[in-house]
C-alpha atoms as a PDB file:
ATOM      1  CA  MET A   1      44.937   2.795 -35.578  1.00  0.00           C
ATOM      2  CA  VAL A   2      48.609   2.699 -34.556  1.00  0.00           C
ATOM      3  CA  ARG A   3      47.554   2.272 -30.924  1.00  0.00           C
ATOM      4  CA  GLU A   4      45.384  -0.754 -31.815  1.00  0.00           C
ATOM      5  CA  ALA A   5      48.250  -2.326 -33.800  1.00  0.00           C
ATOM      6  CA  LEU A   6      50.563  -1.893 -30.803  1.00  0.00           C
ATOM      7  CA  ARG A   7      47.958  -3.405 -28.480  1.00  0.00           C
ATOM      8  CA  GLU A   8      47.608  -6.417 -30.785  1.00  0.00           C
ATOM      9  CA  ARG A   9      51.404  -6.798 -30.995  1.00  0.00           C
ATOM     10  CA  PHE A  10      51.666  -6.608 -27.187  1.00  0.00           C
ATOM     11  CA  LEU A  11      49.101  -9.385 -26.737  1.00  0.00           C
ATOM     12  CA  GLU A  12      50.635 -11.508 -29.516  1.00  0.00           C
ATOM     13  CA  VAL A  13      54.130 -11.381 -27.991  1.00  0.00           C
ATOM     14  CA  LEU A  14      52.726 -12.010 -24.513  1.00  0.00           C
ATOM     15  CA  LYS A  15      50.947 -15.101 -25.859  1.00  0.00           C
ATOM     16  CA  ASP A  16      54.187 -16.245 -27.557  1.00  0.00           C
ATOM     17  CA  LEU A  17      55.929 -15.968 -24.174  1.00  0.00           C
ATOM     18  CA  GLY A  18      53.393 -18.350 -22.635  1.00  0.00           C
ATOM     19  CA  GLY A  19      50.828 -15.791 -21.462  1.00  0.00           C
ATOM     20  CA  SER A  20      52.924 -14.554 -18.589  1.00  0.00           C
ATOM     21  CA  ALA A  21      56.160 -12.580 -18.549  1.00  0.00           C
ATOM     22  CA  GLY A  22      57.826  -9.955 -16.416  1.00  0.00           C
ATOM     23  CA  ASN A  23      57.691  -6.396 -17.706  1.00  0.00           C
ATOM     24  CA  GLY A  24      61.397  -6.315 -18.559  1.00  0.00           C
ATOM     25  CA  ARG A  25      61.284  -9.589 -20.469  1.00  0.00           C
ATOM     26  CA  LEU A  26      58.156  -8.602 -22.377  1.00  0.00           C
ATOM     27  CA  ARG A  27      59.473  -5.115 -23.217  1.00  0.00           C
ATOM     28  CA  ASP A  28      62.741  -6.642 -24.469  1.00  0.00           C
ATOM     29  CA  ALA A  29      60.831  -9.147 -26.600  1.00  0.00           C
ATOM     30  CA  LEU A  30      58.786  -6.315 -28.083  1.00  0.00           C
ATOM     31  CA  GLY A  31      61.850  -4.124 -28.604  1.00  0.00           C
ATOM     32  CA  TRP A  32      59.911  -1.057 -27.470  1.00  0.00           C
ATOM     33  CA  GLN A  33      61.028   2.053 -25.657  1.00  0.00           C
ATOM     34  CA  GLU A  34      59.862   2.313 -22.068  1.00  0.00           C
ATOM     35  CA  GLU A  35      57.238   5.011 -22.702  1.00  0.00           C
ATOM     36  CA  THR A  36      55.602   3.027 -25.508  1.00  0.00           C
ATOM     37  CA  TYR A  37      55.580  -0.159 -23.436  1.00  0.00           C
ATOM     38  CA  TRP A  38      53.981   1.421 -20.375  1.00  0.00           C
ATOM     39  CA  SER A  39      51.392   3.425 -22.336  1.00  0.00           C
ATOM     40  CA  VAL A  40      50.248   0.310 -24.228  1.00  0.00           C
ATOM     41  CA  GLN A  41      50.296  -1.833 -21.090  1.00  0.00           C
ATOM     42  CA  ALA A  42      48.215   0.748 -19.223  1.00  0.00           C
ATOM     43  CA  ALA A  43      45.627   0.830 -22.010  1.00  0.00           C
ATOM     44  CA  LEU A  44      44.885  -2.903 -21.923  1.00  0.00           C
ATOM     45  CA  ILE A  45      41.872  -2.632 -19.623  1.00  0.00           C
ATOM     46  CA  PRO A  46      38.932  -2.601 -22.062  1.00  0.00           C
ATOM     47  CA  GLN A  47      36.654   0.439 -22.053  1.00  0.00           C
ATOM     48  CA  GLY A  48      33.657  -0.118 -19.806  1.00  0.00           C
ATOM     49  CA  LEU A  49      35.111  -3.103 -17.949  1.00  0.00           C
ATOM     50  CA  ARG A  50      34.282  -3.034 -14.256  1.00  0.00           C
ATOM     51  CA  CYS A  51      37.056  -4.641 -12.254  1.00  0.00           C
ATOM     52  CA  CYS A  52      39.120  -4.453  -9.127  1.00  0.00           C
ATOM     53  CA  LEU A  53      42.802  -3.577  -9.192  1.00  0.00           C
ATOM     54  CA  GLY A  54      45.204  -6.091  -7.720  1.00  0.00           C
ATOM     55  CA  ARG A  55      47.210  -5.532  -4.563  1.00  0.00           C
ATOM     56  CA  ARG A  56      50.242  -4.304  -6.467  1.00  0.00           C
ATOM     57  CA  MET A  57      48.394  -1.805  -8.640  1.00  0.00           C
ATOM     58  CA  GLY A  58      47.047   1.664  -8.274  1.00  0.00           C
ATOM     59  CA  LEU A  59      44.857   3.919 -10.338  1.00  0.00           C
ATOM     60  CA  LEU A  60      46.169   7.351 -11.188  1.00  0.00           C
ATOM     61  CA  ARG A  61      43.423   9.807 -12.090  1.00  0.00           C
ATOM     62  CA  ARG A  62      44.142  13.149 -13.667  1.00  0.00           C
ATOM     63  CA  HIS A  63      42.341  16.454 -13.285  1.00  0.00           C
ATOM     64  CA  ARG A  64      40.675  16.607 -16.702  1.00  0.00           C
ATOM     65  CA  ASP A  65      40.693  20.388 -16.762  1.00  0.00           C
ATOM     66  CA  ARG A  66      44.348  20.681 -15.672  1.00  0.00           C
ATOM     67  CA  VAL A  67      46.374  18.185 -17.699  1.00  0.00           C
ATOM     68  CA  ALA A  68      46.089  16.226 -20.941  1.00  0.00           C
ATOM     69  CA  PRO A  69      46.838  12.479 -20.822  1.00  0.00           C
ATOM     70  CA  ALA A  70      49.923  12.726 -23.061  1.00  0.00           C
ATOM     71  CA  VAL A  71      51.421  15.432 -20.831  1.00  0.00           C
ATOM     72  CA  LEU A  72      50.721  13.465 -17.640  1.00  0.00           C
ATOM     73  CA  VAL A  73      52.284  10.268 -19.030  1.00  0.00           C
ATOM     74  CA  ARG A  74      55.416  12.217 -20.032  1.00  0.00           C
ATOM     75  CA  ALA A  75      55.626  13.862 -16.592  1.00  0.00           C
ATOM     76  CA  TYR A  76      54.997  10.547 -14.801  1.00  0.00           C
ATOM     77  CA  LEU A  77      57.753   8.778 -16.762  1.00  0.00           C
ATOM     78  CA  SER A  78      60.223  11.645 -16.351  1.00  0.00           C
ATOM     79  CA  ALA A  79      63.434  11.006 -14.441  1.00  0.00           C
ATOM     80  CA  ASP A  80      62.427  13.621 -11.846  1.00  0.00           C
ATOM     81  CA  PHE A  81      59.134  11.961 -10.965  1.00  0.00           C
ATOM     82  CA  GLN A  82      60.629   8.465 -11.070  1.00  0.00           C
ATOM     83  CA  GLU A  83      63.134   9.689  -8.473  1.00  0.00           C
ATOM     84  CA  VAL A  84      60.247  10.970  -6.315  1.00  0.00           C
ATOM     85  CA  ILE A  85      58.671   7.516  -6.527  1.00  0.00           C
ATOM     86  CA  ARG A  86      61.979   5.841  -5.619  1.00  0.00           C
ATOM     87  CA  LYS A  87      62.352   8.097  -2.564  1.00  0.00           C
ATOM     88  CA  HIS A  88      58.866   7.158  -1.360  1.00  0.00           C
ATOM     89  CA  THR A  89      59.162   3.438  -2.062  1.00  0.00           C
ATOM     90  CA  ILE A  90      58.721   1.210   0.967  1.00  0.00           C
ATOM     91  CA  HIS A  91      60.975  -1.846   0.841  1.00  0.00           C
ATOM     92  CA  GLY A  92      59.100  -4.791   2.291  1.00  0.00           C
ATOM     93  CA  ALA A  93      60.245  -8.333   2.966  1.00  0.00           C
ATOM     94  CA  THR A  94      58.809  -9.656  -0.302  1.00  0.00           C
ATOM     95  CA  VAL A  95      57.814  -6.697  -2.472  1.00  0.00           C
ATOM     96  CA  GLU A  96      58.426  -2.993  -2.782  1.00  0.00           C
ATOM     97  CA  ARG A  97      55.412  -0.727  -2.635  1.00  0.00           C
ATOM     98  CA  ILE A  98      54.395   2.878  -2.938  1.00  0.00           C
ATOM     99  CA  PRO A  99      52.157   4.318  -0.217  1.00  0.00           C
ATOM    100  CA  LEU A 100      49.172   5.091  -2.463  1.00  0.00           C
ATOM    101  CA  LYS A 101      47.444   7.183   0.183  1.00  0.00           C
ATOM    102  CA  ASP A 102      50.367   9.626  -0.012  1.00  0.00           C
ATOM    103  CA  MET A 103      50.825   9.572  -3.793  1.00  0.00           C
ATOM    104  CA  GLY A 104      48.484  12.518  -4.312  1.00  0.00           C
ATOM    105  CA  ASP A 105      50.979  14.647  -2.394  1.00  0.00           C
ATOM    106  CA  PHE A 106      53.996  13.625  -4.510  1.00  0.00           C
ATOM    107  CA  PRO A 107      55.402  16.665  -6.330  1.00  0.00           C
ATOM    108  CA  ILE A 108      55.105  16.375 -10.097  1.00  0.00           C
ATOM    109  CA  ARG A 109      56.200  19.054 -12.554  1.00  0.00           C
ATOM    110  CA  LEU A 110      53.550  19.858 -15.135  1.00  0.00           C
ATOM    111  CA  PRO A 111      53.804  22.600 -17.740  1.00  0.00           C
ATOM    112  CA  ASP A 112      51.285  25.425 -17.608  1.00  0.00           C
ATOM    113  CA  PRO A 113      48.702  24.601 -20.309  1.00  0.00           C
ATOM    114  CA  ASN A 114      48.279  28.308 -21.038  1.00  0.00           C
ATOM    115  CA  GLN A 115      51.968  28.660 -21.858  1.00  0.00           C
ATOM    116  CA  HIS A 116      52.093  25.448 -23.935  1.00  0.00           C
ATOM    117  CA  PRO A 117      48.620  25.088 -25.488  1.00  0.00           C
ATOM    118  CA  GLY A 118      49.650  22.627 -28.231  1.00  0.00           C
ATOM    119  CA  LEU A 119      52.006  20.512 -26.142  1.00  0.00           C
ATOM    120  CA  ALA A 120      49.647  17.545 -25.740  1.00  0.00           C
ATOM    121  CA  ASP A 121      49.018  17.402 -29.491  1.00  0.00           C
ATOM    122  CA  GLN A 122      52.759  17.639 -30.180  1.00  0.00           C
ATOM    123  CA  LEU A 123      53.547  14.853 -27.704  1.00  0.00           C
ATOM    124  CA  THR A 124      50.814  12.638 -29.146  1.00  0.00           C
ATOM    125  CA  ALA A 125      52.026  13.235 -32.702  1.00  0.00           C
ATOM    126  CA  LEU A 126      55.604  12.522 -31.665  1.00  0.00           C
ATOM    127  CA  ARG A 127      54.602   9.323 -29.854  1.00  0.00           C
ATOM    128  CA  ASP A 128      52.596   8.192 -32.907  1.00  0.00           C
ATOM    129  CA  LEU A 129      55.625   8.841 -35.121  1.00  0.00           C
ATOM    130  CA  VAL A 130      57.898   6.825 -32.813  1.00  0.00           C
ATOM    131  CA  GLU A 131      55.378   3.970 -32.760  1.00  0.00           C
ATOM    132  CA  ALA A 132      55.027   4.019 -36.561  1.00  0.00           C
ATOM    133  CA  ASN A 133      58.820   3.923 -36.886  1.00  0.00           C
ATOM    134  CA  GLN A 134      59.004   1.021 -34.456  1.00  0.00           C
ATOM    135  CA  SER A 135      56.394  -0.865 -36.503  1.00  0.00           C
ATOM    136  CA  GLU A 136      58.313  -0.201 -39.703  1.00  0.00           C
ATOM    137  CA  SER A 137      61.547  -1.281 -38.045  1.00  0.00           C
ATOM    138  CA  ALA A 138      59.936  -4.530 -36.876  1.00  0.00           C
ATOM    139  CA  MET A 139      58.616  -5.171 -40.391  1.00  0.00           C
ATOM    140  CA  LEU A 140      62.066  -4.526 -41.903  1.00  0.00           C
ATOM    141  CA  ALA A 141      63.693  -6.837 -39.338  1.00  0.00           C
ATOM    142  CA  ALA A 142      61.163  -9.572 -40.155  1.00  0.00           C
ATOM    143  CA  THR A 143      61.928  -9.150 -43.858  1.00  0.00           C
ATOM    144  CA  ARG A 144      65.649  -9.352 -43.187  1.00  0.00           C
ATOM    145  CA  ASP A 145      65.269 -12.425 -40.985  1.00  0.00           C
ATOM    146  CA  LEU A 146      63.158 -14.116 -43.648  1.00  0.00           C
ATOM    147  CA  LEU A 147      65.342 -13.357 -46.639  1.00  0.00           C
ATOM    148  CA  PHE A 148      68.943 -12.955 -45.533  1.00  0.00           C
ATOM    149  CA  PRO A 149      69.707 -16.575 -44.597  1.00  0.00           C
ATOM    150  CA  ARG A 150      68.114 -17.840 -47.813  1.00  0.00           C
ATOM    151  CA  LEU A 151      69.959 -15.285 -49.956  1.00  0.00           C
ATOM    152  CA  MET A 152      73.311 -16.061 -48.297  1.00  0.00           C
ATOM    153  CA  SER A 153      72.887 -19.813 -48.692  1.00  0.00           C
ATOM    154  CA  GLY A 154      72.013 -19.470 -52.378  1.00  0.00           C
ATOM    155  CA  GLU A 155      68.602 -21.053 -51.800  1.00  0.00           C
ATOM    156  CA  LEU A 156      67.007 -17.829 -53.042  1.00  0.00           C
ATOM    157  CA  ARG A 157      68.092 -15.410 -55.726  1.00  0.00           C
ATOM    158  CA  ALA A 158      67.598 -11.656 -55.285  1.00  0.00           C
ATOM    159  CA  LYS A 159      65.156 -11.372 -58.201  1.00  0.00           C
ATOM    160  CA  ASP A 160      63.011 -14.134 -56.677  1.00  0.00           C
ATOM    161  CA  ALA A 161      62.883 -12.369 -53.305  1.00  0.00           C
ATOM    162  CA  GLU A 162      60.567  -9.544 -54.416  1.00  0.00           C
ATOM    163  CA  PRO A 163      57.317 -11.556 -54.074  1.00  0.00           C
ATOM    164  CA  LEU A 164      58.384 -12.606 -50.565  1.00  0.00           C
ATOM    165  CA  VAL A 165      59.026  -8.985 -49.604  1.00  0.00           C
ATOM    166  CA  ALA A 166      55.507  -8.121 -50.732  1.00  0.00           C
ATOM    167  CA  GLU A 167      54.144 -10.881 -48.449  1.00  0.00           C
ATOM    168  CA  VAL A 168      55.876  -9.484 -45.348  1.00  0.00           C
ATOM    169  CA  ALA A 169      54.886  -5.891 -46.133  1.00  0.00           C
END
């Protein structure tokens, strides 16, 4: 449910930006943390869609019996693995790229699932909590932006603001 709300928000803001925006610009407009942004962006391909990845994309598949998705995302976004990617980046004349044929050999630190059996559930619950807090924060900011100028100008009195707060919530 939270994931679907984030997906809808992502697409809404992207549309507001004209349907095309760089990752940094879109993430700033959303006000999301990097992990949330990338996990929502990665989930935009609809289930069952058959398509071809573009030249600047790659598909990372996990060993289903070795690592849970939440653990792999955390490991992939970690500073250590991002440094591994930076070290292997090829700087071309127009774009940087990662040699995908070698990516399977990149060292990535994953916790032993036997030593941390509930880690994936904990990470998922924590991510859901962060996303719920971000949604609440966005709702509170929208309420503030709606009411504050009108309250300060005297156009609206505090007692008359309650119905408007209910509309935003």
